[in-house]
Amino acid sequence: MASKGGKKWIQKAIKNPGALTEKAERKGMTIDQLCYRKNLDTRTKRQCNLGRTLQEFVRRRKKGD
């Protein structure tokens, strides 16, 4: 059963490509360093969670090759 978002949920989820990377660079950190900090605002937490999800897709694809 498909979720209510459909098959193209990733395209809809990424509204500002590169925003998390830019945020991390402004603070002088990597994305991982930024995401493992405490007291993040809600938007940054969601961006980090989406980034982790997308990384898993890439890992699974590479593993299957």
C-alpha atoms as a PDB file:
ATOM      1  CA  MET A   1       0.000   0.000   0.000  1.00  0.00           C
ATOM      2  CA  ALA A   2       1.436   3.367  -1.008  1.00  0.00           C
ATOM      3  CA  SER A   3       1.558   6.245   1.410  1.00  0.00           C
ATOM      4  CA  LYS A   4      -0.743   9.165   0.749  1.00  0.00           C
ATOM      5  CA  GLY A   5       2.207  11.202  -0.575  1.00  0.00           C
ATOM      6  CA  GLY A   6       2.627   8.958  -3.585  1.00  0.00           C
ATOM      7  CA  LYS A   7       5.797   7.853  -5.327  1.00  0.00           C
ATOM      8  CA  LYS A   8       7.249  11.341  -5.830  1.00  0.00           C
ATOM      9  CA  TRP A   9       7.359  12.371  -2.173  1.00  0.00           C
ATOM     10  CA  ILE A  10      11.089  13.117  -2.320  1.00  0.00           C
ATOM     11  CA  GLN A  11      10.660  15.815  -4.968  1.00  0.00           C
ATOM     12  CA  LYS A  12       7.940  17.437  -2.874  1.00  0.00           C
ATOM     13  CA  ALA A  13       9.970  17.171   0.343  1.00  0.00           C
ATOM     14  CA  ILE A  14      12.977  19.063  -1.009  1.00  0.00           C
ATOM     15  CA  LYS A  15      11.812  22.658  -1.174  1.00  0.00           C
ATOM     16  CA  ASN A  16      15.157  24.449  -0.758  1.00  0.00           C
ATOM     17  CA  PRO A  17      17.988  22.326  -2.152  1.00  0.00           C
ATOM     18  CA  GLY A  18      21.291  23.019  -0.418  1.00  0.00           C
ATOM     19  CA  ALA A  19      19.752  24.917   2.503  1.00  0.00           C
ATOM     20  CA  LEU A  20      21.125  22.550   5.152  1.00  0.00           C
ATOM     21  CA  THR A  21      24.612  22.612   3.625  1.00  0.00           C
ATOM     22  CA  GLU A  22      24.554  26.398   3.507  1.00  0.00           C
ATOM     23  CA  LYS A  23      23.373  26.597   7.126  1.00  0.00           C
ATOM     24  CA  ALA A  24      26.201  24.305   8.248  1.00  0.00           C
ATOM     25  CA  GLU A  25      28.830  26.250   6.286  1.00  0.00           C
ATOM     26  CA  ARG A  26      27.675  29.559   7.792  1.00  0.00           C
ATOM     27  CA  LYS A  27      28.292  28.091  11.247  1.00  0.00           C
ATOM     28  CA  GLY A  28      31.664  26.641  10.184  1.00  0.00           C
ATOM     29  CA  MET A  29      30.565  23.022  10.569  1.00  0.00           C
ATOM     30  CA  THR A  30      29.852  19.977   8.486  1.00  0.00           C
ATOM     31  CA  ILE A  31      26.293  18.726   8.117  1.00  0.00           C
ATOM     32  CA  ASP A  32      26.971  15.856  10.532  1.00  0.00           C
ATOM     33  CA  GLN A  33      28.359  18.199  13.176  1.00  0.00           C
ATOM     34  CA  LEU A  34      25.347  20.470  12.836  1.00  0.00           C
ATOM     35  CA  CYS A  35      22.804  17.655  12.955  1.00  0.00           C
ATOM     36  CA  TYR A  36      24.217  16.072  16.107  1.00  0.00           C
ATOM     37  CA  ARG A  37      23.996  19.290  18.124  1.00  0.00           C
ATOM     38  CA  LYS A  38      21.333  19.742  20.743  1.00  0.00           C
ATOM     39  CA  ASN A  39      18.768  22.551  20.801  1.00  0.00           C
ATOM     40  CA  LEU A  40      18.139  22.673  17.045  1.00  0.00           C
ATOM     41  CA  ASP A  41      15.061  24.421  15.726  1.00  0.00           C
ATOM     42  CA  THR A  42      12.288  22.328  14.226  1.00  0.00           C
ATOM     43  CA  ARG A  43      13.135  23.114  10.595  1.00  0.00           C
ATOM     44  CA  THR A  44      16.775  22.102  11.030  1.00  0.00           C
ATOM     45  CA  LYS A  45      15.768  18.848  12.753  1.00  0.00           C
ATOM     46  CA  ARG A  46      13.480  18.018   9.851  1.00  0.00           C
ATOM     47  CA  GLN A  47      16.180  18.857   7.314  1.00  0.00           C
ATOM     48  CA  CYS A  48      18.605  16.566   9.150  1.00  0.00           C
ATOM     49  CA  ASN A  49      16.092  13.728   9.269  1.00  0.00           C
ATOM     50  CA  LEU A  50      15.376  14.066   5.551  1.00  0.00           C
ATOM     51  CA  GLY A  51      19.112  14.102   4.828  1.00  0.00           C
ATOM     52  CA  ARG A  52      19.625  10.885   6.775  1.00  0.00           C
ATOM     53  CA  THR A  53      16.728   9.243   4.929  1.00  0.00           C
ATOM     54  CA  LEU A  54      18.154  10.213   1.546  1.00  0.00           C
ATOM     55  CA  GLN A  55      21.611   8.950   2.544  1.00  0.00           C
ATOM     56  CA  GLU A  56      20.071   5.559   3.319  1.00  0.00           C
ATOM     57  CA  PHE A  57      18.579   5.422  -0.188  1.00  0.00           C
ATOM     58  CA  VAL A  58      22.010   6.089  -1.671  1.00  0.00           C
ATOM     59  CA  ARG A  59      23.660   3.425   0.520  1.00  0.00           C
ATOM     60  CA  ARG A  60      21.038   0.835  -0.419  1.00  0.00           C
ATOM     61  CA  ARG A  61      21.429   1.624  -4.114  1.00  0.00           C
ATOM     62  CA  LYS A  62      25.222   1.266  -3.942  1.00  0.00           C
ATOM     63  CA  LYS A  63      24.897  -1.982  -1.992  1.00  0.00           C
ATOM     64  CA  GLY A  64      22.628  -3.468  -4.682  1.00  0.00           C
ATOM     65  CA  ASP A  65      25.076  -2.732  -7.539  1.00  0.00           C
END
